[in-house]
Amino acid sequence: MRGIIISQPKAGTYLCAEYLKLMGLRATNWHLFKNAYTDYDGVPFDDARTKPKQLLVKKKISDSVAMIDEQHFAVSHLGFSGMTENLLRPFKKVILVRELRTALVSLMRWTKEHRRGGYGTWADQATPQNQMVKFLQQRGTRQLQKFYSPVARWHGRPGTCTIRFEHLRQEIGVLRLCEFVDCRSMDPAHILREGLGTETLTKMSKDETEYWSPAAEDWFRKSIGPTINEHLGYPRTNARRG
C-alpha cells in the first residue's frame, strides 16, 4: 500500500506520521503541495521550522505522488477536487480534522512562534486575546477557505479514514488508524505512548484557553467555521468561553 496524510493545519499531521512509522510504514518526509513539495528528509527541526522555503522542490503533484513507493507515505493539506481525487485514488488516505476554534488558536500560536507565512501586525497586539482576534480578522477567512474547508470535503469519501485530532491523542484514534492500514496485530497503547513521547516538527503545548474570547467567538460564528465543524460532526455552537 501507499499512504498519504491529508490534514487540516494543526490537526496532528506529524503525530500521525509518527504512528504510521511505528506501524512499519516509511516516511518520505515530503509535505506535498499542488506544484511543489517540501523535502524535510534529514533536515534538523530548527531549519525545517524556520527555513521551509529553502527546502521547497518545484514539481507538479502528479509527478510527486508518482515518486512515492510502496509502503511509503507523505503528508499534505491537499483539498478535495476531481483532480486530487483521481491522483490519490490508489492511496490509503488518512484525513485529519480538528474542532476549528482550537485549530485556529494553535495555528496562530505556531505562526507567531516561528514567524511563518501569515505573520503580521496582529502579533503586535498587547494581549493574547487581542492577538487572536486580529489574527482571525487578518488571516482567518483565508485559512478557512484555502485549507480547512477543502480538506473537510474529503470526509466520507471512498478510500479515506477520518480521524479527529481529539481522538488521535487517545487509543481510539490509534486503533482506528491501525485498522485502516491493516496493522491490527500492533498494540495501540504502545504506539500511542511512543508517538506522544516523540518530538515532531509542529508539536505545540496544549495551553489554548487564554487566547479565545467573546470577540473571537463572535468572529467565528459569522464565518464559515460553524458550517465546516458541522460537516465534520462537531457542534456548530460548541462555544469556547473567553
C-alpha atoms as a PDB file:
ATOM      1  CA  MET A   1       0.000   0.000   0.000  1.00  0.00           C
ATOM      2  CA  ARG A   2       0.908   3.655  -0.380  1.00  0.00           C
ATOM      3  CA  GLY A   3      -0.396   6.239   2.058  1.00  0.00           C
ATOM      4  CA  ILE A   4      -0.971   9.941   2.379  1.00  0.00           C
ATOM      5  CA  ILE A   5      -1.964  12.045   5.367  1.00  0.00           C
ATOM      6  CA  ILE A   6      -4.321  14.857   4.339  1.00  0.00           C
ATOM      7  CA  SER A   7      -4.779  17.140   7.308  1.00  0.00           C
ATOM      8  CA  GLN A   8      -6.302  20.404   8.312  1.00  0.00           C
ATOM      9  CA  PRO A   9      -3.479  22.608   9.633  1.00  0.00           C
ATOM     10  CA  LYS A  10      -2.675  21.860  13.283  1.00  0.00           C
ATOM     11  CA  ALA A  11      -4.735  18.642  13.327  1.00  0.00           C
ATOM     12  CA  GLY A  12      -1.903  16.265  14.215  1.00  0.00           C
ATOM     13  CA  THR A  13      -0.111  15.813  10.882  1.00  0.00           C
ATOM     14  CA  TYR A  14       3.279  14.793  12.234  1.00  0.00           C
ATOM     15  CA  LEU A  15       1.935  12.934  15.267  1.00  0.00           C
ATOM     16  CA  CYS A  16       0.006  10.727  12.845  1.00  0.00           C
ATOM     17  CA  ALA A  17       3.184  10.354  10.781  1.00  0.00           C
ATOM     18  CA  GLU A  18       4.981   9.033  13.869  1.00  0.00           C
ATOM     19  CA  TYR A  19       2.216   6.484  14.389  1.00  0.00           C
ATOM     20  CA  LEU A  20       2.493   5.284  10.796  1.00  0.00           C
ATOM     21  CA  LYS A  21       6.252   4.874  11.159  1.00  0.00           C
ATOM     22  CA  LEU A  22       5.728   2.830  14.312  1.00  0.00           C
ATOM     23  CA  MET A  23       3.331   0.653  12.304  1.00  0.00           C
ATOM     24  CA  GLY A  24       6.097  -0.114   9.828  1.00  0.00           C
ATOM     25  CA  LEU A  25       5.435   2.369   7.047  1.00  0.00           C
ATOM     26  CA  ARG A  26       8.290   4.503   5.757  1.00  0.00           C
ATOM     27  CA  ALA A  27       8.094   8.289   5.662  1.00  0.00           C
ATOM     28  CA  THR A  28       9.171  10.147   2.552  1.00  0.00           C
ATOM     29  CA  ASN A  29       9.393  13.236   4.786  1.00  0.00           C
ATOM     30  CA  TRP A  30       7.739  15.186   1.979  1.00  0.00           C
ATOM     31  CA  HIS A  31       4.961  17.707   2.513  1.00  0.00           C
ATOM     32  CA  LEU A  32       3.064  17.870  -0.773  1.00  0.00           C
ATOM     33  CA  PHE A  33       1.519  20.895  -2.451  1.00  0.00           C
ATOM     34  CA  LYS A  34      -0.100  21.181  -5.884  1.00  0.00           C
ATOM     35  CA  ASN A  35       3.017  22.497  -7.614  1.00  0.00           C
ATOM     36  CA  ALA A  36       5.839  21.644  -5.216  1.00  0.00           C
ATOM     37  CA  TYR A  37       6.792  19.686  -2.139  1.00  0.00           C
ATOM     38  CA  THR A  38       8.868  20.497   0.915  1.00  0.00           C
ATOM     39  CA  ASP A  39      11.621  17.922   1.442  1.00  0.00           C
ATOM     40  CA  TYR A  40      12.286  17.617   5.181  1.00  0.00           C
ATOM     41  CA  ASP A  41      14.299  14.413   4.850  1.00  0.00           C
ATOM     42  CA  GLY A  42      17.375  14.592   7.111  1.00  0.00           C
ATOM     43  CA  VAL A  43      16.780  18.269   7.957  1.00  0.00           C
ATOM     44  CA  PRO A  44      17.126  19.377  11.629  1.00  0.00           C
ATOM     45  CA  PHE A  45      13.887  20.571  13.217  1.00  0.00           C
ATOM     46  CA  ASP A  46      15.134  24.139  13.712  1.00  0.00           C
ATOM     47  CA  ASP A  47      15.875  24.526   9.999  1.00  0.00           C
ATOM     48  CA  ALA A  48      12.673  22.771   8.977  1.00  0.00           C
ATOM     49  CA  ARG A  49      10.619  25.109  11.160  1.00  0.00           C
ATOM     50  CA  THR A  50      12.278  28.378  10.168  1.00  0.00           C
ATOM     51  CA  LYS A  51      13.557  27.855   6.597  1.00  0.00           C
ATOM     52  CA  PRO A  52      10.889  25.869   4.740  1.00  0.00           C
ATOM     53  CA  LYS A  53      11.257  27.873   1.521  1.00  0.00           C
ATOM     54  CA  GLN A  54      14.845  26.683   1.195  1.00  0.00           C
ATOM     55  CA  LEU A  55      13.576  23.081   1.235  1.00  0.00           C
ATOM     56  CA  LEU A  56      10.961  23.567  -1.475  1.00  0.00           C
ATOM     57  CA  VAL A  57      11.221  21.388  -4.604  1.00  0.00           C
ATOM     58  CA  LYS A  58       9.203  22.589  -7.607  1.00  0.00           C
ATOM     59  CA  LYS A  59       7.253  19.658  -9.013  1.00  0.00           C
ATOM     60  CA  LYS A  60       3.685  19.043 -10.087  1.00  0.00           C
ATOM     61  CA  ILE A  61       1.592  16.999  -7.709  1.00  0.00           C
ATOM     62  CA  SER A  62       1.082  14.323 -10.381  1.00  0.00           C
ATOM     63  CA  ASP A  63       4.851  13.831 -10.540  1.00  0.00           C
ATOM     64  CA  SER A  64       5.299  13.978  -6.763  1.00  0.00           C
ATOM     65  CA  VAL A  65       2.768  11.266  -5.958  1.00  0.00           C
ATOM     66  CA  ALA A  66       4.219   9.045  -8.688  1.00  0.00           C
ATOM     67  CA  MET A  67       7.531   9.035  -6.787  1.00  0.00           C
ATOM     68  CA  ILE A  68       6.011   7.599  -3.595  1.00  0.00           C
ATOM     69  CA  ASP A  69       6.992   3.927  -3.345  1.00  0.00           C
ATOM     70  CA  GLU A  70       5.038   1.039  -1.865  1.00  0.00           C
ATOM     71  CA  GLN A  71       4.906   1.038   1.949  1.00  0.00           C
ATOM     72  CA  HIS A  72       5.788   4.751   1.971  1.00  0.00           C
ATOM     73  CA  PHE A  73       3.672   7.782   2.797  1.00  0.00           C
ATOM     74  CA  ALA A  74       3.716  11.569   2.503  1.00  0.00           C
ATOM     75  CA  VAL A  75       1.790  14.357   4.227  1.00  0.00           C
ATOM     76  CA  SER A  76      -0.228  17.263   2.853  1.00  0.00           C
ATOM     77  CA  HIS A  77      -3.054  19.765   3.282  1.00  0.00           C
ATOM     78  CA  LEU A  78      -4.398  18.985  -0.206  1.00  0.00           C
ATOM     79  CA  GLY A  79      -8.051  19.873  -0.630  1.00  0.00           C
ATOM     80  CA  PHE A  80     -10.593  17.632  -2.295  1.00  0.00           C
ATOM     81  CA  SER A  81     -11.178  18.154  -6.018  1.00  0.00           C
ATOM     82  CA  GLY A  82     -11.723  15.972  -9.050  1.00  0.00           C
ATOM     83  CA  MET A  83      -8.019  16.200  -9.815  1.00  0.00           C
ATOM     84  CA  THR A  84      -6.781  15.232  -6.343  1.00  0.00           C
ATOM     85  CA  GLU A  85      -9.409  12.501  -6.049  1.00  0.00           C
ATOM     86  CA  ASN A  86      -8.159  10.868  -9.267  1.00  0.00           C
ATOM     87  CA  LEU A  87      -4.459  11.273  -8.461  1.00  0.00           C
ATOM     88  CA  LEU A  88      -4.801   9.846  -4.971  1.00  0.00           C
ATOM     89  CA  ARG A  89      -7.256   7.055  -5.778  1.00  0.00           C
ATOM     90  CA  PRO A  90      -4.578   4.312  -5.313  1.00  0.00           C
ATOM     91  CA  PHE A  91      -3.578   5.682  -1.886  1.00  0.00           C
ATOM     92  CA  LYS A  92      -4.837   4.994   1.608  1.00  0.00           C
ATOM     93  CA  LYS A  93      -5.912   8.496   2.609  1.00  0.00           C
ATOM     94  CA  VAL A  94      -5.876   9.437   6.310  1.00  0.00           C
ATOM     95  CA  ILE A  95      -7.938  12.598   6.820  1.00  0.00           C
ATOM     96  CA  LEU A  96      -7.127  14.540   9.993  1.00  0.00           C
ATOM     97  CA  VAL A  97      -9.567  17.137  11.287  1.00  0.00           C
ATOM     98  CA  ARG A  98      -9.934  19.266  14.388  1.00  0.00           C
ATOM     99  CA  GLU A  99     -12.539  21.436  16.094  1.00  0.00           C
ATOM    100  CA  LEU A 100     -11.816  24.724  14.370  1.00  0.00           C
ATOM    101  CA  ARG A 101     -11.616  27.041  17.352  1.00  0.00           C
ATOM    102  CA  THR A 102      -8.745  25.058  18.856  1.00  0.00           C
ATOM    103  CA  ALA A 103      -7.155  24.562  15.426  1.00  0.00           C
ATOM    104  CA  LEU A 104      -7.113  28.294  14.712  1.00  0.00           C
ATOM    105  CA  VAL A 105      -5.652  29.091  18.126  1.00  0.00           C
ATOM    106  CA  SER A 106      -2.890  26.539  17.593  1.00  0.00           C
ATOM    107  CA  LEU A 107      -2.239  27.882  14.094  1.00  0.00           C
ATOM    108  CA  MET A 108      -1.925  31.431  15.380  1.00  0.00           C
ATOM    109  CA  ARG A 109       0.495  30.389  18.117  1.00  0.00           C
ATOM    110  CA  TRP A 110       2.586  28.334  15.680  1.00  0.00           C
ATOM    111  CA  THR A 111       2.728  31.199  13.175  1.00  0.00           C
ATOM    112  CA  LYS A 112       3.776  33.651  15.867  1.00  0.00           C
ATOM    113  CA  GLU A 113       6.406  31.408  17.455  1.00  0.00           C
ATOM    114  CA  HIS A 114       8.110  30.500  14.185  1.00  0.00           C
ATOM    115  CA  ARG A 115       7.259  33.653  12.171  1.00  0.00           C
ATOM    116  CA  ARG A 116       5.862  31.559   9.356  1.00  0.00           C
ATOM    117  CA  GLY A 117       3.691  32.716   6.455  1.00  0.00           C
ATOM    118  CA  GLY A 118       0.880  34.906   7.730  1.00  0.00           C
ATOM    119  CA  TYR A 119       2.943  36.590  10.455  1.00  0.00           C
ATOM    120  CA  GLY A 120       1.841  40.220  10.633  1.00  0.00           C
ATOM    121  CA  THR A 121       0.720  43.200  12.678  1.00  0.00           C
ATOM    122  CA  TRP A 122      -1.722  41.032  14.627  1.00  0.00           C
ATOM    123  CA  ALA A 123       1.298  39.727  16.571  1.00  0.00           C
ATOM    124  CA  ASP A 124       1.967  43.227  17.951  1.00  0.00           C
ATOM    125  CA  GLN A 125      -1.259  43.297  19.962  1.00  0.00           C
ATOM    126  CA  ALA A 126      -0.773  43.633  23.720  1.00  0.00           C
ATOM    127  CA  THR A 127      -2.723  40.579  24.906  1.00  0.00           C
ATOM    128  CA  PRO A 128      -3.120  37.005  23.636  1.00  0.00           C
ATOM    129  CA  GLN A 129      -6.865  37.533  23.182  1.00  0.00           C
ATOM    130  CA  ASN A 130      -6.340  40.672  21.096  1.00  0.00           C
ATOM    131  CA  GLN A 131      -3.708  38.865  19.033  1.00  0.00           C
ATOM    132  CA  MET A 132      -6.188  36.090  18.353  1.00  0.00           C
ATOM    133  CA  VAL A 133      -8.972  38.445  17.256  1.00  0.00           C
ATOM    134  CA  LYS A 134      -6.663  40.386  14.936  1.00  0.00           C
ATOM    135  CA  PHE A 135      -5.267  37.135  13.524  1.00  0.00           C
ATOM    136  CA  LEU A 136      -8.789  35.987  12.734  1.00  0.00           C
ATOM    137  CA  GLN A 137      -9.652  39.315  11.138  1.00  0.00           C
ATOM    138  CA  GLN A 138      -6.488  39.387   9.025  1.00  0.00           C
ATOM    139  CA  ARG A 139      -5.929  35.687   8.273  1.00  0.00           C
ATOM    140  CA  GLY A 140      -8.892  33.639   9.433  1.00  0.00           C
ATOM    141  CA  THR A 141     -11.122  33.786   6.367  1.00  0.00           C
ATOM    142  CA  ARG A 142      -8.271  32.857   4.016  1.00  0.00           C
ATOM    143  CA  GLN A 143      -7.249  29.911   6.189  1.00  0.00           C
ATOM    144  CA  LEU A 144     -10.785  28.565   6.388  1.00  0.00           C
ATOM    145  CA  GLN A 145     -11.367  28.925   2.645  1.00  0.00           C
ATOM    146  CA  LYS A 146      -7.962  27.735   1.406  1.00  0.00           C
ATOM    147  CA  PHE A 147      -7.247  24.863   3.794  1.00  0.00           C
ATOM    148  CA  TYR A 148      -9.871  23.926   6.362  1.00  0.00           C
ATOM    149  CA  SER A 149     -12.919  23.742   4.099  1.00  0.00           C
ATOM    150  CA  PRO A 150     -11.209  21.959   1.149  1.00  0.00           C
ATOM    151  CA  VAL A 151      -9.692  19.305   3.438  1.00  0.00           C
ATOM    152  CA  ALA A 152     -13.045  18.818   5.170  1.00  0.00           C
ATOM    153  CA  ARG A 153     -14.549  17.857   1.799  1.00  0.00           C
ATOM    154  CA  TRP A 154     -12.522  14.615   1.870  1.00  0.00           C
ATOM    155  CA  HIS A 155     -14.601  13.449   4.842  1.00  0.00           C
ATOM    156  CA  GLY A 156     -16.626  10.347   3.987  1.00  0.00           C
ATOM    157  CA  ARG A 157     -15.098   9.818   0.527  1.00  0.00           C
ATOM    158  CA  PRO A 158     -14.155   6.296  -0.640  1.00  0.00           C
ATOM    159  CA  GLY A 159     -10.668   5.186   0.357  1.00  0.00           C
ATOM    160  CA  THR A 160     -10.451   7.616   3.267  1.00  0.00           C
ATOM    161  CA  CYS A 161     -10.391   7.334   7.044  1.00  0.00           C
ATOM    162  CA  THR A 162     -11.236  10.477   9.004  1.00  0.00           C
ATOM    163  CA  ILE A 163      -9.671  10.777  12.444  1.00  0.00           C
ATOM    164  CA  ARG A 164     -10.264  13.676  14.789  1.00  0.00           C
ATOM    165  CA  PHE A 165      -7.288  15.336  16.443  1.00  0.00           C
ATOM    166  CA  GLU A 166      -9.107  14.902  19.739  1.00  0.00           C
ATOM    167  CA  HIS A 167      -9.091  11.122  19.176  1.00  0.00           C
ATOM    168  CA  LEU A 168      -5.580  10.991  17.735  1.00  0.00           C
ATOM    169  CA  ARG A 169      -4.191  11.517  21.229  1.00  0.00           C
ATOM    170  CA  GLN A 170      -6.190   8.559  22.568  1.00  0.00           C
ATOM    171  CA  GLU A 171      -6.156   4.818  21.914  1.00  0.00           C
ATOM    172  CA  ILE A 172      -9.415   5.072  19.966  1.00  0.00           C
ATOM    173  CA  GLY A 173      -7.699   7.133  17.262  1.00  0.00           C
ATOM    174  CA  VAL A 174      -4.629   4.923  17.072  1.00  0.00           C
ATOM    175  CA  LEU A 175      -6.802   1.793  16.876  1.00  0.00           C
ATOM    176  CA  ARG A 176      -8.785   3.298  14.005  1.00  0.00           C
ATOM    177  CA  LEU A 177      -5.542   4.085  12.201  1.00  0.00           C
ATOM    178  CA  CYS A 178      -4.193   0.557  12.796  1.00  0.00           C
ATOM    179  CA  GLU A 179      -7.328  -0.971  11.324  1.00  0.00           C
ATOM    180  CA  PHE A 180      -7.282   1.320   8.284  1.00  0.00           C
ATOM    181  CA  VAL A 181      -3.694   0.488   7.320  1.00  0.00           C
ATOM    182  CA  ASP A 182      -4.185  -3.193   8.237  1.00  0.00           C
ATOM    183  CA  CYS A 183      -1.838  -3.310  11.252  1.00  0.00           C
ATOM    184  CA  ARG A 184      -4.291  -4.990  13.595  1.00  0.00           C
ATOM    185  CA  SER A 185      -1.551  -7.037  15.278  1.00  0.00           C
ATOM    186  CA  MET A 186       0.095  -3.875  16.668  1.00  0.00           C
ATOM    187  CA  ASP A 187      -0.513  -2.703  20.240  1.00  0.00           C
ATOM    188  CA  PRO A 188      -2.308   0.677  20.040  1.00  0.00           C
ATOM    189  CA  ALA A 189      -1.331   1.571  23.619  1.00  0.00           C
ATOM    190  CA  HIS A 190       2.364   1.134  22.816  1.00  0.00           C
ATOM    191  CA  ILE A 191       2.095   3.149  19.608  1.00  0.00           C
ATOM    192  CA  LEU A 192       0.249   5.909  21.472  1.00  0.00           C
ATOM    193  CA  ARG A 193       2.900   6.158  24.198  1.00  0.00           C
ATOM    194  CA  GLU A 194       5.796   6.154  21.757  1.00  0.00           C
ATOM    195  CA  GLY A 195       4.153   8.615  19.386  1.00  0.00           C
ATOM    196  CA  LEU A 196       3.145  11.126  22.048  1.00  0.00           C
ATOM    197  CA  GLY A 197       6.635  10.980  23.514  1.00  0.00           C
ATOM    198  CA  THR A 198       8.341  11.876  20.244  1.00  0.00           C
ATOM    199  CA  GLU A 199       9.355  15.425  19.312  1.00  0.00           C
ATOM    200  CA  THR A 200       7.717  16.325  15.996  1.00  0.00           C
ATOM    201  CA  LEU A 201       8.035  19.164  13.522  1.00  0.00           C
ATOM    202  CA  THR A 202       4.948  21.128  14.547  1.00  0.00           C
ATOM    203  CA  LYS A 203       4.326  19.968  18.117  1.00  0.00           C
ATOM    204  CA  MET A 204       2.850  22.619  20.430  1.00  0.00           C
ATOM    205  CA  SER A 205       1.852  22.727  24.092  1.00  0.00           C
ATOM    206  CA  LYS A 206      -1.867  22.393  24.823  1.00  0.00           C
ATOM    207  CA  ASP A 207      -2.498  25.685  26.687  1.00  0.00           C
ATOM    208  CA  GLU A 208      -5.028  27.462  24.474  1.00  0.00           C
ATOM    209  CA  THR A 209      -7.585  28.838  26.916  1.00  0.00           C
ATOM    210  CA  GLU A 210      -6.046  32.297  27.290  1.00  0.00           C
ATOM    211  CA  TYR A 211      -6.442  33.078  23.573  1.00  0.00           C
ATOM    212  CA  TRP A 212     -10.176  32.704  22.931  1.00  0.00           C
ATOM    213  CA  SER A 213     -12.609  35.481  23.851  1.00  0.00           C
ATOM    214  CA  PRO A 214     -16.201  36.582  23.210  1.00  0.00           C
ATOM    215  CA  ALA A 215     -14.898  38.747  20.351  1.00  0.00           C
ATOM    216  CA  ALA A 216     -13.153  35.743  18.781  1.00  0.00           C
ATOM    217  CA  GLU A 217     -16.299  33.678  19.207  1.00  0.00           C
ATOM    218  CA  ASP A 218     -18.364  36.413  17.546  1.00  0.00           C
ATOM    219  CA  TRP A 219     -15.995  36.438  14.541  1.00  0.00           C
ATOM    220  CA  PHE A 220     -16.075  32.659  14.330  1.00  0.00           C
ATOM    221  CA  ARG A 221     -19.862  32.365  14.385  1.00  0.00           C
ATOM    222  CA  LYS A 222     -20.121  34.816  11.473  1.00  0.00           C
ATOM    223  CA  SER A 223     -17.568  32.839   9.435  1.00  0.00           C
ATOM    224  CA  ILE A 224     -17.892  29.526   7.558  1.00  0.00           C
ATOM    225  CA  GLY A 225     -16.301  27.815  10.566  1.00  0.00           C
ATOM    226  CA  PRO A 226     -19.534  26.508  12.140  1.00  0.00           C
ATOM    227  CA  THR A 227     -20.604  25.002   8.784  1.00  0.00           C
ATOM    228  CA  ILE A 228     -17.271  23.189   8.429  1.00  0.00           C
ATOM    229  CA  ASN A 229     -17.485  21.972  12.021  1.00  0.00           C
ATOM    230  CA  GLU A 230     -20.993  20.647  11.456  1.00  0.00           C
ATOM    231  CA  HIS A 231     -19.939  18.797   8.281  1.00  0.00           C
ATOM    232  CA  LEU A 232     -17.271  17.008  10.336  1.00  0.00           C
ATOM    233  CA  GLY A 233     -19.666  16.128  13.155  1.00  0.00           C
ATOM    234  CA  TYR A 234     -18.661  18.855  15.600  1.00  0.00           C
ATOM    235  CA  PRO A 235     -21.409  21.005  17.156  1.00  0.00           C
ATOM    236  CA  ARG A 236     -21.888  24.355  15.419  1.00  0.00           C
ATOM    237  CA  THR A 237     -22.254  26.098  18.776  1.00  0.00           C
ATOM    238  CA  ASN A 238     -19.526  24.349  20.761  1.00  0.00           C
ATOM    239  CA  ALA A 239     -18.588  27.752  22.158  1.00  0.00           C
ATOM    240  CA  ARG A 240     -15.327  28.331  23.959  1.00  0.00           C
ATOM    241  CA  ARG A 241     -15.683  30.923  26.678  1.00  0.00           C
ATOM    242  CA  GLY A 242     -13.054  33.611  26.963  1.00  0.00           C
END
